[in-house]
Amino acid sequence: MLIINKLIMFLGRDNYSVDVNLTKYEILLILFSKGLSLLRGFLLKMTVKNKGGFLFVGRKCKFSFRKKISIGRTVTIGDYVEINALSNSGVIIGNNVSILKGTIIDCTGVISHLGEGLKIGDNVGIAQNCFIQVRGKTEIGDNVIFGPNVSIFSENHNFSNPDVPVNVQGVTRKGVIIEDGVWIGTRAVVLDGVKVGKNSIIAAGSIVTKDVPCCSIVGGVPAKVLKLRK
């Protein structure tokens, strides 16, 4: 157990230790699974921009336009993750990042208008089944947590003329910024043009339509400031 904890620290995960209730058999199963993920990660590293370190990749992942993907040190990508990196600046993933099962990162929907690109900082955890639509520039800071099924949208359809179908009125792309230390609860939605301030919290199920002040807790549909953390 001590050796495993030291190995985890070597990988860059400080203040992290294995639960003492795990049995030796369970640890062996986990190590075997991690070994397979490491092998898949080694194969992926040969086709993307990589800063070195360890890359763990789950089963049946899909990576499109791999040369536009940059991956930092000690990154874990879960099963069935899809990353379409076709965009002006690609997808940049920092160090100690986890992107869990079923998450989709989609940079370009139609090739007539490429997305701008996505940057993910260090020590970011993105839980299962999240959806990040990268049309306008999308930035996620350091030490950010996404709960399961969080959605980010960086594009909005124009609809000012009721006599013209929405799908021919064009789009706006203001982009989305998630600053450092933010926690976004499960099933929350962040819409285009929003800046979520540093160390703020978005309650589960919220729909965020406007900027979130730093160190605040917001919730509701549409989301409103519930209290300040200071």
C-alpha atoms as a PDB file:
ATOM      1  CA  MET A   1       0.000   0.000   0.000  1.00  0.00           C
ATOM      2  CA  LEU A   2       2.874   2.357   0.844  1.00  0.00           C
ATOM      3  CA  ILE A   3       4.512   1.646  -2.509  1.00  0.00           C
ATOM      4  CA  ILE A   4       1.277   2.412  -4.368  1.00  0.00           C
ATOM      5  CA  ASN A   5       0.840   5.689  -2.511  1.00  0.00           C
ATOM      6  CA  LYS A   6       4.406   6.690  -3.387  1.00  0.00           C
ATOM      7  CA  LEU A   7       3.741   5.782  -7.017  1.00  0.00           C
ATOM      8  CA  ILE A   8       0.631   7.979  -7.041  1.00  0.00           C
ATOM      9  CA  MET A   9       2.653  10.877  -5.605  1.00  0.00           C
ATOM     10  CA  PHE A  10       5.297  10.274  -8.273  1.00  0.00           C
ATOM     11  CA  LEU A  11       2.584  10.645 -10.906  1.00  0.00           C
ATOM     12  CA  GLY A  12       1.861  14.120  -9.534  1.00  0.00           C
ATOM     13  CA  ARG A  13      -1.141  13.501  -7.274  1.00  0.00           C
ATOM     14  CA  ASP A  14      -0.177  15.089  -3.976  1.00  0.00           C
ATOM     15  CA  ASN A  15      -2.355  14.604  -0.867  1.00  0.00           C
ATOM     16  CA  TYR A  16      -3.869  11.440  -2.345  1.00  0.00           C
ATOM     17  CA  SER A  17      -3.754   7.993  -0.781  1.00  0.00           C
ATOM     18  CA  VAL A  18      -5.337   4.605  -1.423  1.00  0.00           C
ATOM     19  CA  ASP A  19      -8.199   3.520   0.847  1.00  0.00           C
ATOM     20  CA  VAL A  20      -6.870   1.105   3.469  1.00  0.00           C
ATOM     21  CA  ASN A  21      -9.989  -1.064   3.091  1.00  0.00           C
ATOM     22  CA  LEU A  22      -8.966  -2.218  -0.381  1.00  0.00           C
ATOM     23  CA  THR A  23      -7.936  -5.882  -0.486  1.00  0.00           C
ATOM     24  CA  LYS A  24      -4.828  -7.130  -2.265  1.00  0.00           C
ATOM     25  CA  TYR A  25      -7.027  -8.796  -4.896  1.00  0.00           C
ATOM     26  CA  GLU A  26      -8.907  -5.561  -5.577  1.00  0.00           C
ATOM     27  CA  ILE A  27      -5.630  -3.658  -5.848  1.00  0.00           C
ATOM     28  CA  LEU A  28      -4.325  -6.212  -8.355  1.00  0.00           C
ATOM     29  CA  LEU A  29      -7.457  -5.828 -10.489  1.00  0.00           C
ATOM     30  CA  ILE A  30      -7.075  -2.039 -10.436  1.00  0.00           C
ATOM     31  CA  LEU A  31      -3.374  -2.259 -11.343  1.00  0.00           C
ATOM     32  CA  PHE A  32      -4.169  -4.641 -14.221  1.00  0.00           C
ATOM     33  CA  SER A  33      -6.814  -2.263 -15.572  1.00  0.00           C
ATOM     34  CA  LYS A  34      -4.446   0.702 -15.208  1.00  0.00           C
ATOM     35  CA  GLY A  35      -1.771  -1.253 -17.041  1.00  0.00           C
ATOM     36  CA  LEU A  36      -4.041  -1.773 -20.034  1.00  0.00           C
ATOM     37  CA  SER A  37      -5.019   1.908 -19.944  1.00  0.00           C
ATOM     38  CA  LEU A  38      -1.349   2.881 -19.854  1.00  0.00           C
ATOM     39  CA  LEU A  39      -0.680   0.735 -22.924  1.00  0.00           C
ATOM     40  CA  ARG A  40      -3.523   2.400 -24.826  1.00  0.00           C
ATOM     41  CA  GLY A  41      -2.197   5.754 -23.678  1.00  0.00           C
ATOM     42  CA  PHE A  42       1.260   4.913 -25.006  1.00  0.00           C
ATOM     43  CA  LEU A  43      -0.224   4.239 -28.429  1.00  0.00           C
ATOM     44  CA  LEU A  44      -2.189   7.498 -28.350  1.00  0.00           C
ATOM     45  CA  LYS A  45       0.910   9.492 -27.306  1.00  0.00           C
ATOM     46  CA  MET A  46       2.505   8.545 -30.608  1.00  0.00           C
ATOM     47  CA  THR A  47      -0.171  10.484 -32.527  1.00  0.00           C
ATOM     48  CA  VAL A  48      -0.809  13.609 -30.372  1.00  0.00           C
ATOM     49  CA  LYS A  49       1.225  16.489 -28.975  1.00  0.00           C
ATOM     50  CA  ASN A  50       2.428  15.271 -25.603  1.00  0.00           C
ATOM     51  CA  LYS A  51       4.431  16.908 -22.819  1.00  0.00           C
ATOM     52  CA  GLY A  52       5.680  13.632 -21.416  1.00  0.00           C
ATOM     53  CA  GLY A  53       4.565  11.739 -18.346  1.00  0.00           C
ATOM     54  CA  PHE A  54       1.892   9.084 -18.135  1.00  0.00           C
ATOM     55  CA  LEU A  55      -1.308   8.899 -20.169  1.00  0.00           C
ATOM     56  CA  PHE A  56      -4.096   6.456 -19.272  1.00  0.00           C
ATOM     57  CA  VAL A  57      -6.767   5.811 -21.907  1.00  0.00           C
ATOM     58  CA  GLY A  58      -9.941   3.762 -21.452  1.00  0.00           C
ATOM     59  CA  ARG A  59     -11.727   1.434 -23.833  1.00  0.00           C
ATOM     60  CA  LYS A  60     -13.389   2.414 -27.108  1.00  0.00           C
ATOM     61  CA  CYS A  61     -12.377   6.077 -27.061  1.00  0.00           C
ATOM     62  CA  LYS A  62     -12.521   8.148 -30.233  1.00  0.00           C
ATOM     63  CA  PHE A  63     -10.006  10.891 -31.033  1.00  0.00           C
ATOM     64  CA  SER A  64     -10.426  12.925 -34.222  1.00  0.00           C
ATOM     65  CA  PHE A  65      -7.737  15.252 -35.641  1.00  0.00           C
ATOM     66  CA  ARG A  66      -5.179  14.029 -33.131  1.00  0.00           C
ATOM     67  CA  LYS A  67      -2.434  16.387 -34.250  1.00  0.00           C
ATOM     68  CA  LYS A  68      -4.536  19.205 -32.800  1.00  0.00           C
ATOM     69  CA  ILE A  69      -4.607  17.575 -29.345  1.00  0.00           C
ATOM     70  CA  SER A  70      -1.967  18.525 -26.752  1.00  0.00           C
ATOM     71  CA  ILE A  71      -1.872  16.439 -23.566  1.00  0.00           C
ATOM     72  CA  GLY A  72      -0.014  17.216 -20.337  1.00  0.00           C
ATOM     73  CA  ARG A  73       1.493  14.929 -17.705  1.00  0.00           C
ATOM     74  CA  THR A  74      -0.495  12.242 -15.869  1.00  0.00           C
ATOM     75  CA  VAL A  75      -3.783  12.472 -17.744  1.00  0.00           C
ATOM     76  CA  THR A  76      -6.587   9.917 -17.400  1.00  0.00           C
ATOM     77  CA  ILE A  77      -9.189   9.507 -20.139  1.00  0.00           C
ATOM     78  CA  GLY A  78     -12.059   7.139 -19.335  1.00  0.00           C
ATOM     79  CA  ASP A  79     -13.989   4.643 -21.448  1.00  0.00           C
ATOM     80  CA  TYR A  80     -16.022   5.863 -24.455  1.00  0.00           C
ATOM     81  CA  VAL A  81     -14.650   9.417 -24.334  1.00  0.00           C
ATOM     82  CA  GLU A  82     -14.843  11.288 -27.661  1.00  0.00           C
ATOM     83  CA  ILE A  83     -12.654  14.259 -28.560  1.00  0.00           C
ATOM     84  CA  ASN A  84     -13.088  16.024 -31.890  1.00  0.00           C
ATOM     85  CA  ALA A  85     -10.239  18.557 -31.921  1.00  0.00           C
ATOM     86  CA  LEU A  86     -10.887  20.119 -35.340  1.00  0.00           C
ATOM     87  CA  SER A  87     -10.647  23.842 -34.541  1.00  0.00           C
ATOM     88  CA  ASN A  88      -8.406  26.866 -35.000  1.00  0.00           C
ATOM     89  CA  SER A  89      -6.303  26.288 -31.865  1.00  0.00           C
ATOM     90  CA  GLY A  90      -7.151  22.649 -31.082  1.00  0.00           C
ATOM     91  CA  VAL A  91      -7.569  21.060 -27.650  1.00  0.00           C
ATOM     92  CA  ILE A  92      -4.979  21.683 -24.929  1.00  0.00           C
ATOM     93  CA  ILE A  93      -5.202  19.483 -21.820  1.00  0.00           C
ATOM     94  CA  GLY A  94      -3.063  20.359 -18.783  1.00  0.00           C
ATOM     95  CA  ASN A  95      -1.385  18.206 -16.122  1.00  0.00           C
ATOM     96  CA  ASN A  96      -3.201  15.872 -13.712  1.00  0.00           C
ATOM     97  CA  VAL A  97      -6.479  15.980 -15.627  1.00  0.00           C
ATOM     98  CA  SER A  98      -9.211  13.318 -15.497  1.00  0.00           C
ATOM     99  CA  ILE A  99     -11.887  13.074 -18.198  1.00  0.00           C
ATOM    100  CA  LEU A 100     -14.229  10.275 -17.220  1.00  0.00           C
ATOM    101  CA  LYS A 101     -16.450   7.817 -19.050  1.00  0.00           C
ATOM    102  CA  GLY A 102     -18.731   8.987 -21.837  1.00  0.00           C
ATOM    103  CA  THR A 103     -17.628  12.625 -21.950  1.00  0.00           C
ATOM    104  CA  ILE A 104     -17.739  14.346 -25.357  1.00  0.00           C
ATOM    105  CA  ILE A 105     -15.603  17.310 -26.424  1.00  0.00           C
ATOM    106  CA  ASP A 106     -16.843  18.578 -29.786  1.00  0.00           C
ATOM    107  CA  CYS A 107     -14.908  21.450 -31.369  1.00  0.00           C
ATOM    108  CA  THR A 108     -16.535  21.751 -34.787  1.00  0.00           C
ATOM    109  CA  GLY A 109     -20.080  20.911 -35.843  1.00  0.00           C
ATOM    110  CA  VAL A 110     -19.970  22.126 -39.463  1.00  0.00           C
ATOM    111  CA  ILE A 111     -16.790  22.590 -41.504  1.00  0.00           C
ATOM    112  CA  SER A 112     -18.090  25.900 -42.904  1.00  0.00           C
ATOM    113  CA  HIS A 113     -17.211  27.519 -39.559  1.00  0.00           C
ATOM    114  CA  LEU A 114     -14.490  25.933 -37.429  1.00  0.00           C
ATOM    115  CA  GLY A 115     -14.590  26.154 -33.653  1.00  0.00           C
ATOM    116  CA  GLU A 116     -12.010  28.314 -31.888  1.00  0.00           C
ATOM    117  CA  GLY A 117     -10.519  25.773 -29.481  1.00  0.00           C
ATOM    118  CA  LEU A 118     -10.438  24.510 -25.893  1.00  0.00           C
ATOM    119  CA  LYS A 119      -7.876  24.935 -23.135  1.00  0.00           C
ATOM    120  CA  ILE A 120      -8.087  22.872 -19.920  1.00  0.00           C
ATOM    121  CA  GLY A 121      -5.816  23.809 -17.001  1.00  0.00           C
ATOM    122  CA  ASP A 122      -4.067  21.643 -14.404  1.00  0.00           C
ATOM    123  CA  ASN A 123      -5.684  19.433 -11.740  1.00  0.00           C
ATOM    124  CA  VAL A 124      -9.092  19.385 -13.458  1.00  0.00           C
ATOM    125  CA  GLY A 125     -11.665  16.643 -12.890  1.00  0.00           C
ATOM    126  CA  ILE A 126     -14.406  16.157 -15.489  1.00  0.00           C
ATOM    127  CA  ALA A 127     -16.913  13.512 -14.391  1.00  0.00           C
ATOM    128  CA  GLN A 128     -18.952  11.078 -16.450  1.00  0.00           C
ATOM    129  CA  ASN A 129     -21.063  12.027 -19.484  1.00  0.00           C
ATOM    130  CA  CYS A 130     -20.161  15.709 -19.682  1.00  0.00           C
ATOM    131  CA  PHE A 131     -20.602  17.588 -22.962  1.00  0.00           C
ATOM    132  CA  ILE A 132     -18.311  20.461 -23.927  1.00  0.00           C
ATOM    133  CA  GLN A 133     -19.322  22.209 -27.138  1.00  0.00           C
ATOM    134  CA  VAL A 134     -16.342  24.199 -28.385  1.00  0.00           C
ATOM    135  CA  ARG A 135     -17.492  26.735 -30.969  1.00  0.00           C
ATOM    136  CA  GLY A 136     -16.367  30.011 -29.397  1.00  0.00           C
ATOM    137  CA  LYS A 137     -13.134  29.956 -27.420  1.00  0.00           C
ATOM    138  CA  THR A 138     -13.561  27.865 -24.273  1.00  0.00           C
ATOM    139  CA  GLU A 139     -11.206  28.045 -21.297  1.00  0.00           C
ATOM    140  CA  ILE A 140     -11.259  25.935 -18.125  1.00  0.00           C
ATOM    141  CA  GLY A 141      -8.855  27.034 -15.383  1.00  0.00           C
ATOM    142  CA  ASP A 142      -6.876  25.072 -12.783  1.00  0.00           C
ATOM    143  CA  ASN A 143      -8.423  22.955  -9.990  1.00  0.00           C
ATOM    144  CA  VAL A 144     -11.883  22.886 -11.573  1.00  0.00           C
ATOM    145  CA  ILE A 145     -14.440  20.144 -10.852  1.00  0.00           C
ATOM    146  CA  PHE A 146     -17.257  19.123 -13.213  1.00  0.00           C
ATOM    147  CA  GLY A 147     -19.998  16.883 -11.811  1.00  0.00           C
ATOM    148  CA  PRO A 148     -21.615  14.233 -14.034  1.00  0.00           C
ATOM    149  CA  ASN A 149     -23.654  15.381 -17.054  1.00  0.00           C
ATOM    150  CA  VAL A 150     -22.441  19.000 -17.011  1.00  0.00           C
ATOM    151  CA  SER A 151     -22.873  20.780 -20.371  1.00  0.00           C
ATOM    152  CA  ILE A 152     -20.954  23.770 -21.738  1.00  0.00           C
ATOM    153  CA  PHE A 153     -22.178  25.629 -24.842  1.00  0.00           C
ATOM    154  CA  SER A 154     -20.050  28.324 -26.508  1.00  0.00           C
ATOM    155  CA  GLU A 155     -22.390  29.186 -29.366  1.00  0.00           C
ATOM    156  CA  ASN A 156     -25.880  30.645 -29.610  1.00  0.00           C
ATOM    157  CA  HIS A 157     -28.313  30.900 -32.543  1.00  0.00           C
ATOM    158  CA  ASN A 158     -29.610  34.277 -33.651  1.00  0.00           C
ATOM    159  CA  PHE A 159     -33.410  34.502 -33.662  1.00  0.00           C
ATOM    160  CA  SER A 160     -34.321  38.206 -33.872  1.00  0.00           C
ATOM    161  CA  ASN A 161     -36.383  37.865 -37.066  1.00  0.00           C
ATOM    162  CA  PRO A 162     -39.520  35.747 -36.477  1.00  0.00           C
ATOM    163  CA  ASP A 163     -40.198  35.595 -40.241  1.00  0.00           C
ATOM    164  CA  VAL A 164     -36.935  33.777 -40.968  1.00  0.00           C
ATOM    165  CA  PRO A 165     -36.059  30.243 -39.833  1.00  0.00           C
ATOM    166  CA  VAL A 166     -33.598  30.238 -36.946  1.00  0.00           C
ATOM    167  CA  ASN A 167     -31.219  27.921 -38.749  1.00  0.00           C
ATOM    168  CA  VAL A 168     -30.461  30.548 -41.425  1.00  0.00           C
ATOM    169  CA  GLN A 169     -30.064  33.574 -39.129  1.00  0.00           C
ATOM    170  CA  GLY A 170     -26.505  32.753 -38.162  1.00  0.00           C
ATOM    171  CA  VAL A 171     -24.850  32.324 -34.778  1.00  0.00           C
ATOM    172  CA  THR A 172     -22.897  34.257 -32.163  1.00  0.00           C
ATOM    173  CA  ARG A 173     -19.792  32.900 -30.475  1.00  0.00           C
ATOM    174  CA  LYS A 174     -18.763  34.819 -27.383  1.00  0.00           C
ATOM    175  CA  GLY A 175     -17.037  31.867 -25.721  1.00  0.00           C
ATOM    176  CA  VAL A 176     -17.032  30.528 -22.163  1.00  0.00           C
ATOM    177  CA  ILE A 177     -14.485  31.032 -19.378  1.00  0.00           C
ATOM    178  CA  ILE A 178     -14.408  28.867 -16.250  1.00  0.00           C
ATOM    179  CA  GLU A 179     -11.845  30.361 -13.859  1.00  0.00           C
ATOM    180  CA  ASP A 180      -9.681  28.559 -11.269  1.00  0.00           C
ATOM    181  CA  GLY A 181     -11.189  26.620  -8.390  1.00  0.00           C
ATOM    182  CA  VAL A 182     -14.757  26.399  -9.715  1.00  0.00           C
ATOM    183  CA  TRP A 183     -17.078  23.507  -8.822  1.00  0.00           C
ATOM    184  CA  ILE A 184     -19.935  22.849 -11.256  1.00  0.00           C
ATOM    185  CA  GLY A 185     -22.629  20.518  -9.907  1.00  0.00           C
ATOM    186  CA  THR A 186     -24.227  17.642 -11.766  1.00  0.00           C
ATOM    187  CA  ARG A 187     -26.459  18.435 -14.771  1.00  0.00           C
ATOM    188  CA  ALA A 188     -25.637  22.136 -14.674  1.00  0.00           C
ATOM    189  CA  VAL A 189     -25.579  23.983 -18.006  1.00  0.00           C
ATOM    190  CA  VAL A 190     -23.325  26.947 -18.822  1.00  0.00           C
ATOM    191  CA  LEU A 191     -24.346  28.929 -21.913  1.00  0.00           C
ATOM    192  CA  ASP A 192     -22.365  30.990 -24.401  1.00  0.00           C
ATOM    193  CA  GLY A 193     -20.905  34.291 -23.249  1.00  0.00           C
ATOM    194  CA  VAL A 194     -20.643  33.316 -19.572  1.00  0.00           C
ATOM    195  CA  LYS A 195     -17.609  33.859 -17.359  1.00  0.00           C
ATOM    196  CA  VAL A 196     -17.670  31.839 -14.141  1.00  0.00           C
ATOM    197  CA  GLY A 197     -15.555  33.639 -11.536  1.00  0.00           C
ATOM    198  CA  LYS A 198     -12.775  32.134  -9.479  1.00  0.00           C
ATOM    199  CA  ASN A 199     -13.666  29.754  -6.602  1.00  0.00           C
ATOM    200  CA  SER A 200     -17.397  29.916  -7.295  1.00  0.00           C
ATOM    201  CA  ILE A 201     -19.890  27.044  -7.057  1.00  0.00           C
ATOM    202  CA  ILE A 202     -22.734  26.264  -9.459  1.00  0.00           C
ATOM    203  CA  ALA A 203     -25.534  24.225  -7.884  1.00  0.00           C
ATOM    204  CA  ALA A 204     -26.720  21.000  -9.487  1.00  0.00           C
ATOM    205  CA  GLY A 205     -29.273  21.421 -12.264  1.00  0.00           C
ATOM    206  CA  SER A 206     -28.639  25.149 -12.733  1.00  0.00           C
ATOM    207  CA  ILE A 207     -28.723  26.918 -16.098  1.00  0.00           C
ATOM    208  CA  VAL A 208     -26.146  29.703 -16.120  1.00  0.00           C
ATOM    209  CA  THR A 209     -27.001  32.487 -18.568  1.00  0.00           C
ATOM    210  CA  LYS A 210     -24.862  35.363 -17.244  1.00  0.00           C
ATOM    211  CA  ASP A 211     -21.521  35.950 -15.543  1.00  0.00           C
ATOM    212  CA  VAL A 212     -20.960  34.450 -12.094  1.00  0.00           C
ATOM    213  CA  PRO A 213     -19.076  36.639  -9.564  1.00  0.00           C
ATOM    214  CA  CYS A 214     -15.996  35.109  -7.971  1.00  0.00           C
ATOM    215  CA  CYS A 215     -16.436  33.269  -4.655  1.00  0.00           C
ATOM    216  CA  SER A 216     -20.209  33.021  -5.082  1.00  0.00           C
ATOM    217  CA  ILE A 217     -22.728  30.189  -4.982  1.00  0.00           C
ATOM    218  CA  VAL A 218     -25.343  30.314  -7.745  1.00  0.00           C
ATOM    219  CA  GLY A 219     -28.333  28.111  -8.475  1.00  0.00           C
ATOM    220  CA  GLY A 220     -31.669  27.938 -10.237  1.00  0.00           C
ATOM    221  CA  VAL A 221     -33.134  28.341 -13.725  1.00  0.00           C
ATOM    222  CA  PRO A 222     -31.823  30.794 -14.693  1.00  0.00           C
ATOM    223  CA  ALA A 223     -29.052  30.735 -12.108  1.00  0.00           C
ATOM    224  CA  LYS A 224     -28.901  33.544  -9.546  1.00  0.00           C
ATOM    225  CA  VAL A 225     -26.473  34.338  -6.747  1.00  0.00           C
ATOM    226  CA  LEU A 226     -27.624  32.526  -3.591  1.00  0.00           C
ATOM    227  CA  LYS A 227     -24.805  33.563  -1.295  1.00  0.00           C
ATOM    228  CA  LEU A 228     -21.161  34.640  -1.235  1.00  0.00           C
ATOM    229  CA  ARG A 229     -18.457  32.350   0.101  1.00  0.00           C
ATOM    230  CA  LYS A 230     -16.577  35.257   1.665  1.00  0.00           C
END
